[in-house]
C-alpha cells in the first residue's frame, strides 16, 4: 500500500510530491494555520538587519510572505527536498533578502552562530533524530538568539462522526504512520538539553468539522483504504464510516482535532 501524507514527508521527493505540495498550499491558506504560524514568527521578535532561519521550510510560503513584509531582514530557508527548494526559489523570484538552500536539518549548510533566530514547523515529527536537528539549530544561532519549534502531539488526534470505535481505529492507524507522534510534548525537554533556556510553551488547537478539509490535512480517504488493507477494518465498515462522515460533515457534527505545541526559548551564552 502506498504511503499516506503522514509518512510521505519523510521522502518529500518521492511518489507523493505533488500531493504534499497541495497539502502544504492548502493548509497555508487556512485561518488556523495562518494564526499559529503568525504567533510563532512573532515569538522570534524579528528586527531589521537580522538573519532569520527556517529549517525544513518546505515550499517556502512563510518566508516568501515575511521577506516581502520585512525587506530589511534577511531570511534563509533550508530543506532536504530538492523539489521543495526548486519550487520555493521559483515562487520567491524577485525577493533579494530571501535565500533557499537544499540541506539536511542534521547538517545545516551554515556557519556557527550565523543567524539571529531560527524556527522549525511540523517537521521534527518526521525526522530520524529531532534532538540532533535542534542541536544544529542551536549551533548556527547566535548566543541569546531565539529558537521556536511547532509540532503536533498526535496522541491528541481525534476523529469522530458518531461511530467512536471505527473513528478511533482509523485515527490510530494514521497516528502510527508518524515517526515521532509525541514530539510536541517532548519539545521543551529536547530544547533544554540542547542549551535553550527561558522556555515558553503555547498550545494551538486545530478543529475542523469539514470532511473535505480533514481529508486534505490528514489524508483520510487513503488512510481508510490502508486500514482495510491492514485488516484493521472491513471494506464494508470503511465505506460505511466514510458515508457516515459525509453526512456528519453536512450537518457540522463531524469532528477532527489535533493540538499543535509551540515551544520557544533563548540560546544560552556559550564559552
C-alpha atoms as a PDB file:
ATOM      1  CA  UNK A   1       0.000   0.000   0.000  1.00  0.00           C
ATOM      2  CA  UNK A   2       1.313   3.425  -0.948  1.00  0.00           C
ATOM      3  CA  UNK A   3       2.308   5.965   1.710  1.00  0.00           C
ATOM      4  CA  UNK A   4      -0.087   8.480   3.192  1.00  0.00           C
ATOM      5  CA  UNK A   5       0.581  12.122   3.994  1.00  0.00           C
ATOM      6  CA  UNK A   6       1.735  11.184   7.482  1.00  0.00           C
ATOM      7  CA  UNK A   7       4.688   9.132   6.264  1.00  0.00           C
ATOM      8  CA  UNK A   8       5.167  10.801   2.877  1.00  0.00           C
ATOM      9  CA  UNK A   9       7.068  13.803   4.249  1.00  0.00           C
ATOM     10  CA  UNK A  10       9.966  11.522   5.199  1.00  0.00           C
ATOM     11  CA  UNK A  11      10.825  11.446   1.480  1.00  0.00           C
ATOM     12  CA  UNK A  12       9.141  14.503   0.050  1.00  0.00           C
ATOM     13  CA  UNK A  13      10.672  13.970  -3.398  1.00  0.00           C
ATOM     14  CA  UNK A  14       9.020  10.557  -3.654  1.00  0.00           C
ATOM     15  CA  UNK A  15       5.712   9.402  -5.088  1.00  0.00           C
ATOM     16  CA  UNK A  16       3.619  11.841  -3.043  1.00  0.00           C
ATOM     17  CA  UNK A  17       5.462  15.036  -4.005  1.00  0.00           C
ATOM     18  CA  UNK A  18       2.528  16.663  -5.825  1.00  0.00           C
ATOM     19  CA  UNK A  19       0.104  15.666  -3.057  1.00  0.00           C
ATOM     20  CA  UNK A  20       2.456  17.091  -0.417  1.00  0.00           C
ATOM     21  CA  UNK A  21       2.665  20.425  -2.254  1.00  0.00           C
ATOM     22  CA  UNK A  22      -1.139  20.566  -2.498  1.00  0.00           C
ATOM     23  CA  UNK A  23      -1.408  19.783   1.206  1.00  0.00           C
ATOM     24  CA  UNK A  24       1.086  22.493   2.208  1.00  0.00           C
ATOM     25  CA  UNK A  25      -0.532  25.090  -0.041  1.00  0.00           C
ATOM     26  CA  UNK A  26      -3.990  24.208   1.256  1.00  0.00           C
ATOM     27  CA  UNK A  27      -3.000  24.409   4.913  1.00  0.00           C
ATOM     28  CA  UNK A  28      -1.125  27.683   4.488  1.00  0.00           C
ATOM     29  CA  UNK A  29      -4.399  29.323   3.444  1.00  0.00           C
ATOM     30  CA  UNK A  30      -6.476  28.061   6.379  1.00  0.00           C
ATOM     31  CA  UNK A  31      -7.108  30.599   9.193  1.00  0.00           C
ATOM     32  CA  UNK A  32      -5.911  28.213  11.917  1.00  0.00           C
ATOM     33  CA  UNK A  33      -2.539  27.627  10.276  1.00  0.00           C
ATOM     34  CA  UNK A  34      -2.084  31.307   9.458  1.00  0.00           C
ATOM     35  CA  UNK A  35      -2.831  32.224  13.071  1.00  0.00           C
ATOM     36  CA  UNK A  36      -0.477  29.834  14.851  1.00  0.00           C
ATOM     37  CA  UNK A  37       2.270  30.408  12.283  1.00  0.00           C
ATOM     38  CA  UNK A  38       1.965  34.163  12.805  1.00  0.00           C
ATOM     39  CA  UNK A  39       2.238  33.684  16.565  1.00  0.00           C
ATOM     40  CA  UNK A  40       5.360  31.537  16.193  1.00  0.00           C
ATOM     41  CA  UNK A  41       7.079  34.067  13.940  1.00  0.00           C
ATOM     42  CA  UNK A  42       6.182  36.891  16.323  1.00  0.00           C
ATOM     43  CA  UNK A  43       7.827  34.862  19.100  1.00  0.00           C
ATOM     44  CA  UNK A  44      11.167  35.264  17.296  1.00  0.00           C
ATOM     45  CA  UNK A  45      10.946  39.069  17.756  1.00  0.00           C
ATOM     46  CA  UNK A  46      12.413  39.739  14.311  1.00  0.00           C
ATOM     47  CA  UNK A  47      14.227  43.059  13.866  1.00  0.00           C
ATOM     48  CA  UNK A  48      15.682  44.862  10.860  1.00  0.00           C
ATOM     49  CA  UNK A  49      19.195  43.700   9.998  1.00  0.00           C
ATOM     50  CA  UNK A  50      18.752  40.246  11.477  1.00  0.00           C
ATOM     51  CA  UNK A  51      19.261  36.894   9.749  1.00  0.00           C
ATOM     52  CA  UNK A  52      16.333  34.518  10.274  1.00  0.00           C
ATOM     53  CA  UNK A  53      16.429  30.774   9.547  1.00  0.00           C
ATOM     54  CA  UNK A  54      13.530  28.462   8.743  1.00  0.00           C
ATOM     55  CA  UNK A  55      14.568  24.783   8.945  1.00  0.00           C
ATOM     56  CA  UNK A  56      12.582  22.307   6.821  1.00  0.00           C
ATOM     57  CA  UNK A  57      10.983  25.282   5.099  1.00  0.00           C
ATOM     58  CA  UNK A  58       9.043  23.221   2.561  1.00  0.00           C
ATOM     59  CA  UNK A  59       7.878  25.278  -0.399  1.00  0.00           C
ATOM     60  CA  UNK A  60       8.848  28.488   1.409  1.00  0.00           C
ATOM     61  CA  UNK A  61       5.424  30.124   1.704  1.00  0.00           C
ATOM     62  CA  UNK A  62       6.080  31.537   5.184  1.00  0.00           C
ATOM     63  CA  UNK A  63       9.424  33.049   4.263  1.00  0.00           C
ATOM     64  CA  UNK A  64       8.140  34.492   0.998  1.00  0.00           C
ATOM     65  CA  UNK A  65       5.466  36.386   2.918  1.00  0.00           C
ATOM     66  CA  UNK A  66       7.886  37.537   5.628  1.00  0.00           C
ATOM     67  CA  UNK A  67      10.592  38.623   3.196  1.00  0.00           C
ATOM     68  CA  UNK A  68       8.075  40.843   1.456  1.00  0.00           C
ATOM     69  CA  UNK A  69       6.925  42.371   4.727  1.00  0.00           C
ATOM     70  CA  UNK A  70      10.394  42.760   6.271  1.00  0.00           C
ATOM     71  CA  UNK A  71      12.733  43.914   3.454  1.00  0.00           C
ATOM     72  CA  UNK A  72      15.474  44.968   5.912  1.00  0.00           C
ATOM     73  CA  UNK A  73      15.804  41.493   7.425  1.00  0.00           C
ATOM     74  CA  UNK A  74      17.475  38.548   5.685  1.00  0.00           C
ATOM     75  CA  UNK A  75      15.742  35.162   5.543  1.00  0.00           C
ATOM     76  CA  UNK A  76      17.203  31.723   4.860  1.00  0.00           C
ATOM     77  CA  UNK A  77      15.174  28.588   4.218  1.00  0.00           C
ATOM     78  CA  UNK A  78      16.713  25.115   4.303  1.00  0.00           C
ATOM     79  CA  UNK A  79      15.008  21.890   3.248  1.00  0.00           C
ATOM     80  CA  UNK A  80      16.232  18.415   2.332  1.00  0.00           C
ATOM     81  CA  UNK A  81      13.786  18.147  -0.577  1.00  0.00           C
ATOM     82  CA  UNK A  82      15.222  19.194  -3.921  1.00  0.00           C
ATOM     83  CA  UNK A  83      11.715  19.609  -5.309  1.00  0.00           C
ATOM     84  CA  UNK A  84      10.545  21.830  -2.461  1.00  0.00           C
ATOM     85  CA  UNK A  85      13.603  24.062  -2.751  1.00  0.00           C
ATOM     86  CA  UNK A  86      13.294  24.402  -6.524  1.00  0.00           C
ATOM     87  CA  UNK A  87       9.631  25.372  -6.171  1.00  0.00           C
ATOM     88  CA  UNK A  88      10.430  27.801  -3.338  1.00  0.00           C
ATOM     89  CA  UNK A  89      13.113  29.530  -5.416  1.00  0.00           C
ATOM     90  CA  UNK A  90      10.702  29.891  -8.328  1.00  0.00           C
ATOM     91  CA  UNK A  91       7.972  31.344  -6.117  1.00  0.00           C
ATOM     92  CA  UNK A  92      10.416  33.715  -4.382  1.00  0.00           C
ATOM     93  CA  UNK A  93      11.776  35.294  -7.555  1.00  0.00           C
ATOM     94  CA  UNK A  94      12.422  38.993  -7.072  1.00  0.00           C
ATOM     95  CA  UNK A  95      12.976  38.913  -3.301  1.00  0.00           C
ATOM     96  CA  UNK A  96      16.649  39.854  -2.750  1.00  0.00           C
ATOM     97  CA  UNK A  97      16.545  39.289   1.029  1.00  0.00           C
ATOM     98  CA  UNK A  98      15.497  35.637   0.753  1.00  0.00           C
ATOM     99  CA  UNK A  99      17.697  32.603   0.091  1.00  0.00           C
ATOM    100  CA  UNK A 100      16.767  28.922  -0.160  1.00  0.00           C
ATOM    101  CA  UNK A 101      19.321  26.139   0.354  1.00  0.00           C
ATOM    102  CA  UNK A 102      18.993  22.396  -0.022  1.00  0.00           C
ATOM    103  CA  UNK A 103      20.371  20.704   3.065  1.00  0.00           C
ATOM    104  CA  UNK A 104      19.821  18.200   5.847  1.00  0.00           C
ATOM    105  CA  UNK A 105      18.494  19.504   9.154  1.00  0.00           C
ATOM    106  CA  UNK A 106      21.096  17.400  11.000  1.00  0.00           C
ATOM    107  CA  UNK A 107      23.916  19.016   8.976  1.00  0.00           C
ATOM    108  CA  UNK A 108      22.813  22.554   8.213  1.00  0.00           C
ATOM    109  CA  UNK A 109      24.923  24.218   5.477  1.00  0.00           C
ATOM    110  CA  UNK A 110      25.555  27.282   7.638  1.00  0.00           C
ATOM    111  CA  UNK A 111      28.386  28.617   9.779  1.00  0.00           C
ATOM    112  CA  UNK A 112      28.359  28.571  13.585  1.00  0.00           C
ATOM    113  CA  UNK A 113      26.418  31.383  15.276  1.00  0.00           C
ATOM    114  CA  UNK A 114      25.366  32.916  11.956  1.00  0.00           C
ATOM    115  CA  UNK A 115      21.643  33.563  12.449  1.00  0.00           C
ATOM    116  CA  UNK A 116      19.810  35.710  14.961  1.00  0.00           C
ATOM    117  CA  UNK A 117      16.795  33.414  15.256  1.00  0.00           C
ATOM    118  CA  UNK A 118      15.643  30.035  13.951  1.00  0.00           C
ATOM    119  CA  UNK A 119      12.367  28.210  13.605  1.00  0.00           C
ATOM    120  CA  UNK A 120      11.085  24.761  12.600  1.00  0.00           C
ATOM    121  CA  UNK A 121       7.435  23.913  11.990  1.00  0.00           C
ATOM    122  CA  UNK A 122       5.751  20.463  11.904  1.00  0.00           C
ATOM    123  CA  UNK A 123       8.890  18.743  10.631  1.00  0.00           C
ATOM    124  CA  UNK A 124      10.611  17.182  13.646  1.00  0.00           C
ATOM    125  CA  UNK A 125       7.713  14.718  13.698  1.00  0.00           C
ATOM    126  CA  UNK A 126       9.116  13.175  10.503  1.00  0.00           C
ATOM    127  CA  UNK A 127      12.853  13.255  11.276  1.00  0.00           C
ATOM    128  CA  UNK A 128      15.058  10.414  12.466  1.00  0.00           C
ATOM    129  CA  UNK A 129      16.754  12.436  15.205  1.00  0.00           C
ATOM    130  CA  UNK A 130      14.798  15.519  16.362  1.00  0.00           C
ATOM    131  CA  UNK A 131      17.340  16.251  19.083  1.00  0.00           C
ATOM    132  CA  UNK A 132      20.175  16.372  16.549  1.00  0.00           C
ATOM    133  CA  UNK A 133      18.232  18.839  14.409  1.00  0.00           C
ATOM    134  CA  UNK A 134      17.554  21.102  17.384  1.00  0.00           C
ATOM    135  CA  UNK A 135      21.240  20.913  18.326  1.00  0.00           C
ATOM    136  CA  UNK A 136      22.151  22.045  14.801  1.00  0.00           C
ATOM    137  CA  UNK A 137      19.743  24.944  15.090  1.00  0.00           C
ATOM    138  CA  UNK A 138      21.477  25.947  18.318  1.00  0.00           C
ATOM    139  CA  UNK A 139      24.896  25.643  16.644  1.00  0.00           C
ATOM    140  CA  UNK A 140      24.023  28.100  13.859  1.00  0.00           C
ATOM    141  CA  UNK A 141      22.167  30.551  16.138  1.00  0.00           C
ATOM    142  CA  UNK A 142      23.925  33.365  17.992  1.00  0.00           C
ATOM    143  CA  UNK A 143      24.110  33.400  21.777  1.00  0.00           C
ATOM    144  CA  UNK A 144      20.839  34.743  23.197  1.00  0.00           C
ATOM    145  CA  UNK A 145      19.186  34.218  19.826  1.00  0.00           C
ATOM    146  CA  UNK A 146      15.654  32.855  19.802  1.00  0.00           C
ATOM    147  CA  UNK A 147      14.567  29.401  18.631  1.00  0.00           C
ATOM    148  CA  UNK A 148      10.945  28.319  18.156  1.00  0.00           C
ATOM    149  CA  UNK A 149       9.599  24.878  17.275  1.00  0.00           C
ATOM    150  CA  UNK A 150       5.991  23.946  16.480  1.00  0.00           C
ATOM    151  CA  UNK A 151       4.987  20.264  16.421  1.00  0.00           C
ATOM    152  CA  UNK A 152       1.792  18.217  16.696  1.00  0.00           C
ATOM    153  CA  UNK A 153       1.109  15.910  19.583  1.00  0.00           C
ATOM    154  CA  UNK A 154      -0.542  13.018  17.760  1.00  0.00           C
ATOM    155  CA  UNK A 155      -1.791  11.471  20.980  1.00  0.00           C
ATOM    156  CA  UNK A 156      -4.357  14.292  20.890  1.00  0.00           C
ATOM    157  CA  UNK A 157      -5.557  13.419  17.363  1.00  0.00           C
ATOM    158  CA  UNK A 158      -9.317  12.815  17.341  1.00  0.00           C
ATOM    159  CA  UNK A 159     -11.734  11.751  14.615  1.00  0.00           C
ATOM    160  CA  UNK A 160     -15.445  11.488  15.302  1.00  0.00           C
ATOM    161  CA  UNK A 161     -18.503  11.038  13.121  1.00  0.00           C
ATOM    162  CA  UNK A 162     -20.870   9.315  15.528  1.00  0.00           C
ATOM    163  CA  UNK A 163     -19.068   5.957  15.288  1.00  0.00           C
ATOM    164  CA  UNK A 164     -16.405   6.161  18.033  1.00  0.00           C
ATOM    165  CA  UNK A 165     -14.861   2.701  17.621  1.00  0.00           C
ATOM    166  CA  UNK A 166     -14.185   2.866  13.883  1.00  0.00           C
ATOM    167  CA  UNK A 167     -13.172   6.539  14.144  1.00  0.00           C
ATOM    168  CA  UNK A 168     -10.683   5.627  16.855  1.00  0.00           C
ATOM    169  CA  UNK A 169      -9.185   2.777  14.830  1.00  0.00           C
ATOM    170  CA  UNK A 170      -8.715   4.976  11.746  1.00  0.00           C
ATOM    171  CA  UNK A 171      -7.186   7.790  13.812  1.00  0.00           C
ATOM    172  CA  UNK A 172      -4.846   5.317  15.496  1.00  0.00           C
ATOM    173  CA  UNK A 173      -3.720   3.908  12.136  1.00  0.00           C
ATOM    174  CA  UNK A 174      -2.803   7.390  10.923  1.00  0.00           C
ATOM    175  CA  UNK A 175      -1.073   8.150  14.229  1.00  0.00           C
ATOM    176  CA  UNK A 176       1.156   5.105  13.789  1.00  0.00           C
ATOM    177  CA  UNK A 177       2.331   6.399  10.396  1.00  0.00           C
ATOM    178  CA  UNK A 178       4.042   9.343  12.149  1.00  0.00           C
ATOM    179  CA  UNK A 179       7.672   8.676  13.041  1.00  0.00           C
ATOM    180  CA  UNK A 180       7.633  10.783  16.242  1.00  0.00           C
ATOM    181  CA  UNK A 181       3.977  11.002  17.313  1.00  0.00           C
ATOM    182  CA  UNK A 182       4.618  12.572  20.746  1.00  0.00           C
ATOM    183  CA  UNK A 183       7.223  15.107  19.612  1.00  0.00           C
ATOM    184  CA  UNK A 184       5.008  18.052  20.567  1.00  0.00           C
ATOM    185  CA  UNK A 185       5.071  17.254  24.278  1.00  0.00           C
ATOM    186  CA  UNK A 186       8.796  16.447  24.118  1.00  0.00           C
ATOM    187  CA  UNK A 187       9.874  19.797  22.668  1.00  0.00           C
ATOM    188  CA  UNK A 188      10.691  21.630  25.903  1.00  0.00           C
ATOM    189  CA  UNK A 189      12.807  18.762  27.249  1.00  0.00           C
ATOM    190  CA  UNK A 190      14.697  18.321  23.974  1.00  0.00           C
ATOM    191  CA  UNK A 191      15.304  22.044  23.641  1.00  0.00           C
ATOM    192  CA  UNK A 192      16.537  22.344  27.225  1.00  0.00           C
ATOM    193  CA  UNK A 193      19.062  19.544  26.657  1.00  0.00           C
ATOM    194  CA  UNK A 194      20.331  21.428  23.588  1.00  0.00           C
ATOM    195  CA  UNK A 195      21.082  24.559  25.580  1.00  0.00           C
ATOM    196  CA  UNK A 196      17.910  26.561  25.064  1.00  0.00           C
ATOM    197  CA  UNK A 197      16.666  28.410  28.131  1.00  0.00           C
ATOM    198  CA  UNK A 198      13.749  30.685  29.167  1.00  0.00           C
ATOM    199  CA  UNK A 199      11.412  28.162  27.565  1.00  0.00           C
ATOM    200  CA  UNK A 200       7.772  29.048  26.980  1.00  0.00           C
ATOM    201  CA  UNK A 201       5.101  26.756  25.560  1.00  0.00           C
ATOM    202  CA  UNK A 202       1.802  27.591  23.854  1.00  0.00           C
ATOM    203  CA  UNK A 203      -0.891  25.213  22.678  1.00  0.00           C
ATOM    204  CA  UNK A 204      -2.835  25.716  19.437  1.00  0.00           C
ATOM    205  CA  UNK A 205      -5.925  23.559  18.864  1.00  0.00           C
ATOM    206  CA  UNK A 206      -6.802  22.601  15.301  1.00  0.00           C
ATOM    207  CA  UNK A 207     -10.509  21.817  14.905  1.00  0.00           C
ATOM    208  CA  UNK A 208     -12.459  21.169  11.718  1.00  0.00           C
ATOM    209  CA  UNK A 209     -15.990  19.948  11.141  1.00  0.00           C
ATOM    210  CA  UNK A 210     -15.450  19.556   7.407  1.00  0.00           C
ATOM    211  CA  UNK A 211     -14.569  16.164   5.933  1.00  0.00           C
ATOM    212  CA  UNK A 212     -13.101  17.792   2.821  1.00  0.00           C
ATOM    213  CA  UNK A 213     -10.618  19.849   4.841  1.00  0.00           C
ATOM    214  CA  UNK A 214      -9.803  16.899   7.105  1.00  0.00           C
ATOM    215  CA  UNK A 215      -9.189  14.683   4.090  1.00  0.00           C
ATOM    216  CA  UNK A 216      -6.592  17.083   2.674  1.00  0.00           C
ATOM    217  CA  UNK A 217      -4.874  17.626   6.031  1.00  0.00           C
ATOM    218  CA  UNK A 218      -4.940  14.022   7.279  1.00  0.00           C
ATOM    219  CA  UNK A 219      -5.295  12.060   4.005  1.00  0.00           C
ATOM    220  CA  UNK A 220      -8.339  10.283   5.433  1.00  0.00           C
ATOM    221  CA  UNK A 221      -9.550   8.571   2.275  1.00  0.00           C
ATOM    222  CA  UNK A 222      -6.183   6.904   1.779  1.00  0.00           C
ATOM    223  CA  UNK A 223      -5.848   6.079   5.483  1.00  0.00           C
ATOM    224  CA  UNK A 224      -9.282   4.468   5.380  1.00  0.00           C
ATOM    225  CA  UNK A 225      -8.155   2.251   2.487  1.00  0.00           C
ATOM    226  CA  UNK A 226      -4.926   1.413   4.296  1.00  0.00           C
ATOM    227  CA  UNK A 227      -6.958   0.303   7.301  1.00  0.00           C
ATOM    228  CA  UNK A 228      -8.809  -2.130   5.038  1.00  0.00           C
ATOM    229  CA  UNK A 229      -5.547  -3.483   3.577  1.00  0.00           C
ATOM    230  CA  UNK A 230      -4.146  -3.945   7.085  1.00  0.00           C
ATOM    231  CA  UNK A 231      -7.295  -5.749   8.290  1.00  0.00           C
ATOM    232  CA  UNK A 232      -7.934  -3.005  10.813  1.00  0.00           C
ATOM    233  CA  UNK A 233     -11.470  -2.578   9.479  1.00  0.00           C
ATOM    234  CA  UNK A 234     -13.532  -4.374   6.837  1.00  0.00           C
ATOM    235  CA  UNK A 235     -14.084  -2.826   3.431  1.00  0.00           C
ATOM    236  CA  UNK A 236     -17.790  -2.520   4.158  1.00  0.00           C
ATOM    237  CA  UNK A 237     -17.073  -0.967   7.537  1.00  0.00           C
ATOM    238  CA  UNK A 238     -14.675   1.548   5.987  1.00  0.00           C
ATOM    239  CA  UNK A 239     -17.182   2.597   3.335  1.00  0.00           C
ATOM    240  CA  UNK A 240     -19.897   2.911   5.984  1.00  0.00           C
ATOM    241  CA  UNK A 241     -17.556   5.084   8.039  1.00  0.00           C
ATOM    242  CA  UNK A 242     -16.894   7.339   5.062  1.00  0.00           C
ATOM    243  CA  UNK A 243     -20.595   7.729   4.241  1.00  0.00           C
ATOM    244  CA  UNK A 244     -21.342   8.491   7.874  1.00  0.00           C
ATOM    245  CA  UNK A 245     -18.545  11.074   7.867  1.00  0.00           C
ATOM    246  CA  UNK A 246     -20.002  12.735   4.781  1.00  0.00           C
ATOM    247  CA  UNK A 247     -23.422  13.015   6.425  1.00  0.00           C
ATOM    248  CA  UNK A 248     -21.886  14.262   9.666  1.00  0.00           C
ATOM    249  CA  UNK A 249     -19.877  16.853   7.746  1.00  0.00           C
ATOM    250  CA  UNK A 250     -23.035  18.162   6.085  1.00  0.00           C
ATOM    251  CA  UNK A 251     -24.663  18.646   9.497  1.00  0.00           C
ATOM    252  CA  UNK A 252     -21.478  20.028  11.118  1.00  0.00           C
ATOM    253  CA  UNK A 253     -21.307  17.075  13.507  1.00  0.00           C
ATOM    254  CA  UNK A 254     -18.118  15.630  12.035  1.00  0.00           C
ATOM    255  CA  UNK A 255     -15.055  16.426  14.122  1.00  0.00           C
ATOM    256  CA  UNK A 256     -11.305  16.228  13.545  1.00  0.00           C
ATOM    257  CA  UNK A 257      -8.941  17.747  16.087  1.00  0.00           C
ATOM    258  CA  UNK A 258      -5.237  17.948  16.861  1.00  0.00           C
ATOM    259  CA  UNK A 259      -3.084  20.014  19.221  1.00  0.00           C
ATOM    260  CA  UNK A 260      -0.031  21.854  17.865  1.00  0.00           C
ATOM    261  CA  UNK A 261       2.568  22.600  20.554  1.00  0.00           C
ATOM    262  CA  UNK A 262       4.705  25.725  20.143  1.00  0.00           C
ATOM    263  CA  UNK A 263       7.798  25.944  22.339  1.00  0.00           C
ATOM    264  CA  UNK A 264      10.363  28.703  22.174  1.00  0.00           C
ATOM    265  CA  UNK A 265      13.376  29.919  24.103  1.00  0.00           C
ATOM    266  CA  UNK A 266      16.761  31.613  24.029  1.00  0.00           C
ATOM    267  CA  UNK A 267      20.160  30.074  23.281  1.00  0.00           C
ATOM    268  CA  UNK A 268      22.303  30.211  26.386  1.00  0.00           C
ATOM    269  CA  UNK A 269      25.617  32.079  26.279  1.00  0.00           C
ATOM    270  CA  UNK A 270      28.408  29.673  25.323  1.00  0.00           C
ATOM    271  CA  UNK A 271      32.110  29.882  26.187  1.00  0.00           C
END
